[in-house]
Amino acid sequence: MDYRRFGDKLVVRLDKGEEVCAKLLELAEKENIRLASVSGIGASGDVTLGVFNPRIREYKSVRYEGDYEIASLTGNLSRQDGKPYLHLHAVIGDPTDKFEWHHNPSGVTYSGHLNAAVISATCELVVDVIDGEVGRKFSDDIGLNLYEF
């Protein structure tokens, strides 16, 4: 991971073999980020996405291995119990999955809560630090860690 800070924005490059969530948590500790929005794009060969089912209050996760473009990565970084907390979603694309390029050049996409993504080429992120802090607290009613103001 390499990055540069420009005021309240950090421009981040992740390299092959690095895991997105772990590196963002590491960055939050190093730079003492309390609250930020995160956006990015890149390529991953190993992605785990989850979808929360509110009826049973449970995540279902699916792991995707192969050549995937991270078409969109967006979310936020906050704090829970004083520690960095990520809430990220991603859209990944497989342009070759079961399709001929001339029939469907856009391929297939998958989306959900980003649990993990190991970079296969590079990942470019922008972390926009917000001056302030918002915590997280588990909601028994919903079954998720919600913003706590």
Protein backbone atom coordinates (compact mmCIF):
# COMPACT_ATOMS: atom_id res chain seq x y z
CA MET A 1 0.00 0.00 0.00
CA ASP A 2 1.15 3.46 -0.84
CA TYR A 3 -0.75 6.70 -0.36
CA ARG A 4 -0.53 10.46 -0.31
CA ARG A 5 -2.55 12.89 1.76
CA PHE A 6 -3.94 16.06 0.19
CA GLY A 7 -5.71 17.98 2.95
CA ASP A 8 -8.64 15.84 4.06
CA LYS A 9 -8.30 13.37 1.19
CA LEU A 10 -6.03 10.36 0.96
CA VAL A 11 -5.30 8.86 -2.46
CA VAL A 12 -4.40 5.20 -1.93
CA ARG A 13 -2.89 2.50 -4.14
CA LEU A 14 -3.15 -1.12 -3.10
CA ASP A 15 -0.89 -3.65 -4.75
CA LYS A 16 -1.18 -7.25 -5.85
CA GLY A 17 -1.77 -9.60 -2.93
CA GLU A 18 -3.03 -6.95 -0.51
CA GLU A 19 -6.48 -7.30 1.05
CA VAL A 20 -8.66 -4.17 0.81
CA CYS A 21 -10.41 -4.24 4.21
CA ALA A 22 -7.27 -5.05 6.19
CA LYS A 23 -5.31 -2.28 4.48
CA LEU A 24 -8.07 0.30 5.03
CA LEU A 25 -8.24 -0.60 8.73
CA GLU A 26 -4.43 -0.31 8.91
CA LEU A 27 -4.60 3.10 7.23
CA ALA A 28 -7.33 4.28 9.64
CA GLU A 29 -5.13 3.36 12.62
CA LYS A 30 -1.99 4.92 11.15
CA GLU A 31 -3.71 8.19 10.16
CA ASN A 32 -6.11 8.23 13.17
CA ILE A 33 -9.12 8.48 10.87
CA ARG A 34 -12.32 8.72 12.92
CA LEU A 35 -14.83 9.22 10.09
CA ALA A 36 -14.49 9.07 6.29
CA SER A 37 -16.17 8.12 3.06
CA VAL A 38 -14.37 5.62 0.82
CA SER A 39 -14.57 5.04 -2.93
CA GLY A 40 -12.49 3.04 -5.36
CA ILE A 41 -11.95 0.77 -8.34
CA GLY A 42 -9.52 -2.03 -9.12
CA ALA A 43 -9.05 -5.71 -9.86
CA SER A 44 -9.36 -8.71 -7.57
CA GLY A 45 -8.91 -12.45 -7.93
CA ASP A 46 -10.60 -13.34 -4.64
CA VAL A 47 -13.66 -11.42 -3.44
CA THR A 48 -16.18 -12.24 -0.72
CA LEU A 49 -19.48 -10.38 -0.85
CA GLY A 50 -22.34 -10.64 1.62
CA VAL A 51 -26.03 -9.84 1.67
CA PHE A 52 -27.91 -9.27 4.93
CA ASN A 53 -31.29 -10.93 5.35
CA PRO A 54 -33.23 -8.74 7.83
CA ARG A 55 -35.91 -11.37 8.45
CA ILE A 56 -33.45 -13.82 9.99
CA ARG A 57 -30.79 -11.17 10.79
CA GLU A 58 -28.05 -13.09 9.10
CA TYR A 59 -25.47 -12.52 6.37
CA LYS A 60 -25.05 -14.90 3.48
CA SER A 61 -21.60 -14.62 1.96
CA VAL A 62 -20.40 -15.76 -1.44
CA ARG A 63 -16.76 -16.05 -2.48
CA TYR A 64 -15.79 -15.24 -6.08
CA GLU A 65 -12.43 -16.47 -7.35
CA GLY A 66 -11.13 -15.58 -10.79
CA ASP A 67 -10.50 -12.38 -12.73
CA TYR A 68 -12.89 -9.69 -11.48
CA GLU A 69 -12.95 -5.96 -12.00
CA ILE A 70 -13.94 -3.93 -8.96
CA ALA A 71 -16.29 -1.70 -10.89
CA SER A 72 -17.35 0.25 -7.81
CA LEU A 73 -16.31 0.20 -4.19
CA THR A 74 -18.07 2.64 -1.90
CA GLY A 75 -18.82 3.05 1.78
CA ASN A 76 -17.59 4.58 4.97
CA LEU A 77 -15.17 4.27 7.81
CA SER A 78 -16.29 5.06 11.35
CA ARG A 79 -15.46 3.82 14.86
CA GLN A 80 -16.99 1.20 17.13
CA ASP A 81 -15.71 0.87 20.68
CA GLY A 82 -12.79 3.11 19.70
CA LYS A 83 -11.63 0.86 16.86
CA PRO A 84 -11.91 1.51 13.09
CA TYR A 85 -15.06 0.05 11.56
CA LEU A 86 -15.66 -0.39 7.82
CA HIS A 87 -18.98 -0.52 6.03
CA LEU A 88 -18.21 -1.09 2.35
CA HIS A 89 -20.21 -2.30 -0.63
CA ALA A 90 -18.79 -3.39 -3.97
CA VAL A 91 -19.84 -4.24 -7.49
CA ILE A 92 -17.53 -6.69 -9.22
CA GLY A 93 -17.63 -7.66 -12.86
CA ASP A 94 -16.67 -10.80 -14.70
CA PRO A 95 -16.57 -9.78 -18.36
CA THR A 96 -15.89 -13.32 -19.57
CA ASP A 97 -18.26 -15.37 -17.42
CA LYS A 98 -20.27 -17.65 -19.75
CA PHE A 99 -20.55 -14.99 -22.44
CA GLU A 100 -18.86 -14.37 -25.72
CA TRP A 101 -17.48 -10.85 -25.98
CA HIS A 102 -19.45 -10.08 -29.13
CA HIS A 103 -22.75 -11.09 -27.48
CA ASN A 104 -22.38 -9.31 -24.15
CA PRO A 105 -19.25 -7.21 -23.76
CA SER A 106 -20.34 -5.99 -20.32
CA GLY A 107 -20.38 -9.49 -18.81
CA VAL A 108 -21.88 -10.34 -15.43
CA THR A 109 -21.79 -8.30 -12.22
CA TYR A 110 -22.21 -9.23 -8.57
CA SER A 111 -22.71 -6.88 -5.67
CA GLY A 112 -23.02 -6.77 -1.91
CA HIS A 113 -21.33 -5.94 1.36
CA LEU A 114 -17.58 -6.23 0.89
CA ASN A 115 -16.19 -8.77 3.35
CA ALA A 116 -12.81 -9.17 1.66
CA ALA A 117 -11.02 -8.57 -1.65
CA VAL A 118 -7.47 -9.63 -2.42
CA ILE A 119 -6.02 -7.43 -5.14
CA SER A 120 -4.83 -9.16 -8.32
CA ALA A 121 -3.40 -6.13 -10.16
CA THR A 122 -4.08 -2.82 -8.40
CA CYS A 123 -6.76 -0.94 -6.50
CA GLU A 124 -7.17 2.83 -6.44
CA LEU A 125 -9.03 4.33 -3.50
CA VAL A 126 -9.94 7.79 -2.31
CA VAL A 127 -10.54 8.19 1.41
CA ASP A 128 -12.32 11.47 2.14
CA VAL A 129 -11.78 12.25 5.82
CA ILE A 130 -14.69 13.98 7.57
CA ASP A 131 -13.95 16.31 10.47
CA GLY A 132 -15.85 14.61 13.28
CA GLU A 133 -16.71 11.23 14.69
CA VAL A 134 -19.73 8.97 14.49
CA GLY A 135 -19.78 5.76 16.49
CA ARG A 136 -21.46 2.42 15.90
CA LYS A 137 -23.76 0.50 18.19
CA PHE A 138 -25.41 -2.89 17.70
CA SER A 139 -29.18 -2.67 17.21
CA ASP A 140 -31.05 -5.62 18.70
CA ASP A 141 -34.07 -4.61 16.63
CA ILE A 142 -32.26 -4.61 13.26
CA GLY A 143 -29.35 -6.96 13.93
CA LEU A 144 -26.67 -4.63 12.58
CA ASN A 145 -24.14 -2.13 13.89
CA LEU A 146 -25.83 1.22 13.17
CA TYR A 147 -24.50 4.77 13.29
CA GLU A 148 -24.73 6.20 16.80
CA PHE A 149 -24.94 9.99 16.98
